[in-house]
Amino acid sequence: MAVPKRKTSRQRARKRKAQWLGALRGPSLTTCPHCGEPVETYRACNECGYYRGRKVTKGAADEDEE
């Protein structure tokens, strides 16, 4: 059976645990400054297609018009 060669430091163990606990909470949400819809952080808005003040994709509103 494999045995660790050295003790895992508190810092290393806590960093690993923090990554695991962050994944349990799920994505954090903010509101889109352009349309006000809730959107995940660092993602383009699904409704209007804006990201950081620029139009980057076609939103749901644009697809309805076509």
N, C-alpha and C. Protein backbone atom coordinates (compact mmCIF):
# COMPACT_ATOMS: atom_id res chain seq x y z
N MET A 1 0.84 -1.18 0.00
CA MET A 1 0.00 0.00 0.00
C MET A 1 0.89 1.25 0.00
N ALA A 2 0.46 2.28 -0.72
CA ALA A 2 1.26 3.51 -0.82
C ALA A 2 1.18 4.30 0.47
N VAL A 3 2.32 4.82 0.87
CA VAL A 3 2.40 5.62 2.09
C VAL A 3 3.02 6.97 1.72
N PRO A 4 2.48 8.10 2.21
CA PRO A 4 3.08 9.39 1.89
C PRO A 4 4.50 9.51 2.42
N LYS A 5 5.38 10.10 1.63
CA LYS A 5 6.76 10.24 2.04
C LYS A 5 6.93 11.38 3.04
N ARG A 6 6.10 12.44 2.89
CA ARG A 6 6.19 13.59 3.78
C ARG A 6 4.80 14.01 4.25
N LYS A 7 4.78 14.72 5.37
CA LYS A 7 3.52 15.24 5.90
C LYS A 7 2.99 16.34 4.98
N THR A 8 1.69 16.34 4.74
CA THR A 8 1.06 17.40 3.96
C THR A 8 0.91 18.62 4.85
N SER A 9 1.41 19.76 4.40
CA SER A 9 1.35 20.98 5.21
C SER A 9 -0.10 21.47 5.34
N ARG A 10 -0.37 22.25 6.37
CA ARG A 10 -1.71 22.80 6.58
C ARG A 10 -2.12 23.68 5.41
N GLN A 11 -1.18 24.47 4.91
CA GLN A 11 -1.49 25.37 3.80
C GLN A 11 -1.90 24.59 2.55
N ARG A 12 -1.16 23.55 2.22
CA ARG A 12 -1.47 22.75 1.04
C ARG A 12 -2.81 22.05 1.19
N ALA A 13 -3.08 21.51 2.37
CA ALA A 13 -4.34 20.81 2.61
C ALA A 13 -5.52 21.78 2.56
N ARG A 14 -5.35 22.96 3.11
CA ARG A 14 -6.43 23.95 3.11
C ARG A 14 -6.70 24.51 1.72
N LYS A 15 -5.65 24.68 0.91
CA LYS A 15 -5.85 25.12 -0.47
C LYS A 15 -6.68 24.10 -1.23
N ARG A 16 -6.36 22.83 -1.06
CA ARG A 16 -7.10 21.77 -1.74
C ARG A 16 -8.55 21.74 -1.28
N LYS A 17 -8.77 21.89 0.01
CA LYS A 17 -10.13 21.87 0.55
C LYS A 17 -10.92 23.08 0.08
N ALA A 18 -10.29 24.24 -0.04
CA ALA A 18 -10.98 25.45 -0.50
C ALA A 18 -11.47 25.28 -1.94
N GLN A 19 -10.67 24.64 -2.78
CA GLN A 19 -11.08 24.41 -4.17
C GLN A 19 -12.30 23.49 -4.21
N TRP A 20 -12.30 22.48 -3.38
CA TRP A 20 -13.41 21.52 -3.35
C TRP A 20 -14.67 22.18 -2.82
N LEU A 21 -14.56 22.99 -1.76
CA LEU A 21 -15.72 23.65 -1.19
C LEU A 21 -16.28 24.71 -2.14
N GLY A 22 -15.42 25.37 -2.91
CA GLY A 22 -15.88 26.36 -3.87
C GLY A 22 -16.73 25.73 -4.96
N ALA A 23 -16.42 24.51 -5.35
CA ALA A 23 -17.19 23.83 -6.38
C ALA A 23 -18.56 23.41 -5.86
N LEU A 24 -18.70 23.20 -4.57
CA LEU A 24 -19.99 22.79 -4.00
C LEU A 24 -21.01 23.92 -4.02
N ARG A 25 -20.54 25.15 -3.89
CA ARG A 25 -21.46 26.29 -3.77
C ARG A 25 -22.15 26.63 -5.08
N GLY A 26 -21.54 26.31 -6.21
CA GLY A 26 -22.14 26.64 -7.49
C GLY A 26 -21.68 28.01 -7.97
N PRO A 27 -22.11 28.40 -9.16
CA PRO A 27 -21.63 29.66 -9.73
C PRO A 27 -22.22 30.87 -9.01
N SER A 28 -21.42 31.93 -8.94
CA SER A 28 -21.92 33.15 -8.34
C SER A 28 -22.62 33.97 -9.42
N LEU A 29 -23.69 34.64 -9.05
CA LEU A 29 -24.50 35.39 -10.00
C LEU A 29 -24.41 36.88 -9.73
N THR A 30 -24.44 37.66 -10.80
CA THR A 30 -24.54 39.12 -10.71
C THR A 30 -25.66 39.55 -11.64
N THR A 31 -25.95 40.83 -11.68
CA THR A 31 -26.97 41.32 -12.59
C THR A 31 -26.29 41.98 -13.79
N CYS A 32 -26.87 41.81 -14.94
CA CYS A 32 -26.35 42.41 -16.17
C CYS A 32 -26.58 43.92 -16.11
N PRO A 33 -25.54 44.73 -16.30
CA PRO A 33 -25.72 46.18 -16.24
C PRO A 33 -26.54 46.72 -17.41
N HIS A 34 -26.64 45.96 -18.50
CA HIS A 34 -27.36 46.43 -19.69
C HIS A 34 -28.85 46.15 -19.59
N CYS A 35 -29.24 44.93 -19.19
CA CYS A 35 -30.66 44.59 -19.18
C CYS A 35 -31.20 44.24 -17.79
N GLY A 36 -30.32 44.00 -16.81
CA GLY A 36 -30.76 43.73 -15.45
C GLY A 36 -31.06 42.28 -15.14
N GLU A 37 -30.84 41.38 -16.08
CA GLU A 37 -31.08 39.96 -15.85
C GLU A 37 -29.94 39.35 -15.03
N PRO A 38 -30.21 38.33 -14.21
CA PRO A 38 -29.13 37.66 -13.50
C PRO A 38 -28.26 36.87 -14.48
N VAL A 39 -26.93 36.97 -14.29
CA VAL A 39 -26.00 36.31 -15.18
C VAL A 39 -24.80 35.84 -14.37
N GLU A 40 -24.18 34.71 -14.77
CA GLU A 40 -22.99 34.22 -14.09
C GLU A 40 -21.85 35.21 -14.29
N THR A 41 -20.96 35.29 -13.30
CA THR A 41 -19.82 36.18 -13.42
C THR A 41 -18.90 35.70 -14.53
N TYR A 42 -18.27 36.63 -15.24
CA TYR A 42 -17.35 36.37 -16.34
C TYR A 42 -18.01 35.62 -17.50
N ARG A 43 -19.30 35.84 -17.72
CA ARG A 43 -20.03 35.25 -18.84
C ARG A 43 -20.83 36.33 -19.54
N ALA A 44 -21.05 36.16 -20.83
CA ALA A 44 -21.91 37.08 -21.58
C ALA A 44 -23.36 36.82 -21.20
N CYS A 45 -24.17 37.86 -21.22
CA CYS A 45 -25.59 37.75 -20.85
C CYS A 45 -26.33 36.97 -21.93
N ASN A 46 -27.15 36.01 -21.54
CA ASN A 46 -27.93 35.22 -22.50
C ASN A 46 -29.07 36.02 -23.11
N GLU A 47 -29.57 37.01 -22.39
CA GLU A 47 -30.71 37.78 -22.86
C GLU A 47 -30.32 38.83 -23.89
N CYS A 48 -29.32 39.65 -23.58
CA CYS A 48 -28.97 40.76 -24.48
C CYS A 48 -27.68 40.53 -25.25
N GLY A 49 -26.81 39.61 -24.81
CA GLY A 49 -25.58 39.31 -25.52
C GLY A 49 -24.43 40.24 -25.21
N TYR A 50 -24.54 41.05 -24.16
CA TYR A 50 -23.48 42.00 -23.81
C TYR A 50 -22.54 41.40 -22.77
N TYR A 51 -21.26 41.76 -22.88
CA TYR A 51 -20.25 41.40 -21.89
C TYR A 51 -19.33 42.59 -21.73
N ARG A 52 -19.22 43.12 -20.53
CA ARG A 52 -18.37 44.27 -20.20
C ARG A 52 -18.64 45.46 -21.11
N GLY A 53 -19.92 45.73 -21.37
CA GLY A 53 -20.30 46.91 -22.13
C GLY A 53 -20.25 46.77 -23.64
N ARG A 54 -19.91 45.58 -24.15
CA ARG A 54 -19.83 45.38 -25.59
C ARG A 54 -20.74 44.25 -26.02
N LYS A 55 -21.31 44.34 -27.20
CA LYS A 55 -22.14 43.28 -27.76
C LYS A 55 -21.21 42.20 -28.32
N VAL A 56 -21.25 41.00 -27.73
CA VAL A 56 -20.34 39.94 -28.15
C VAL A 56 -21.06 38.76 -28.80
N THR A 57 -22.33 38.53 -28.46
CA THR A 57 -23.08 37.44 -29.05
C THR A 57 -24.50 37.89 -29.33
N LYS A 58 -25.22 37.07 -30.08
CA LYS A 58 -26.64 37.34 -30.27
C LYS A 58 -27.38 36.86 -29.04
N GLY A 59 -28.17 37.71 -28.44
CA GLY A 59 -28.95 37.34 -27.27
C GLY A 59 -30.28 36.74 -27.66
N ALA A 60 -31.06 36.33 -26.68
CA ALA A 60 -32.38 35.76 -26.92
C ALA A 60 -33.32 36.80 -27.53
N ALA A 61 -33.15 38.07 -27.16
CA ALA A 61 -33.99 39.13 -27.71
C ALA A 61 -33.73 39.32 -29.20
N ASP A 62 -32.48 39.18 -29.65
CA ASP A 62 -32.13 39.32 -31.06
C ASP A 62 -32.70 38.17 -31.88
N GLU A 63 -32.71 36.97 -31.34
CA GLU A 63 -33.21 35.81 -32.06
C GLU A 63 -34.72 35.86 -32.23
N ASP A 64 -35.43 36.48 -31.28
CA ASP A 64 -36.87 36.62 -31.39
C ASP A 64 -37.27 37.55 -32.54
N GLU A 65 -36.45 38.58 -32.78
CA GLU A 65 -36.76 39.56 -33.83
C GLU A 65 -36.61 38.96 -35.22
N GLU A 66 -35.67 38.02 -35.40
CA GLU A 66 -35.42 37.45 -36.73
C GLU A 66 -36.43 36.42 -37.13
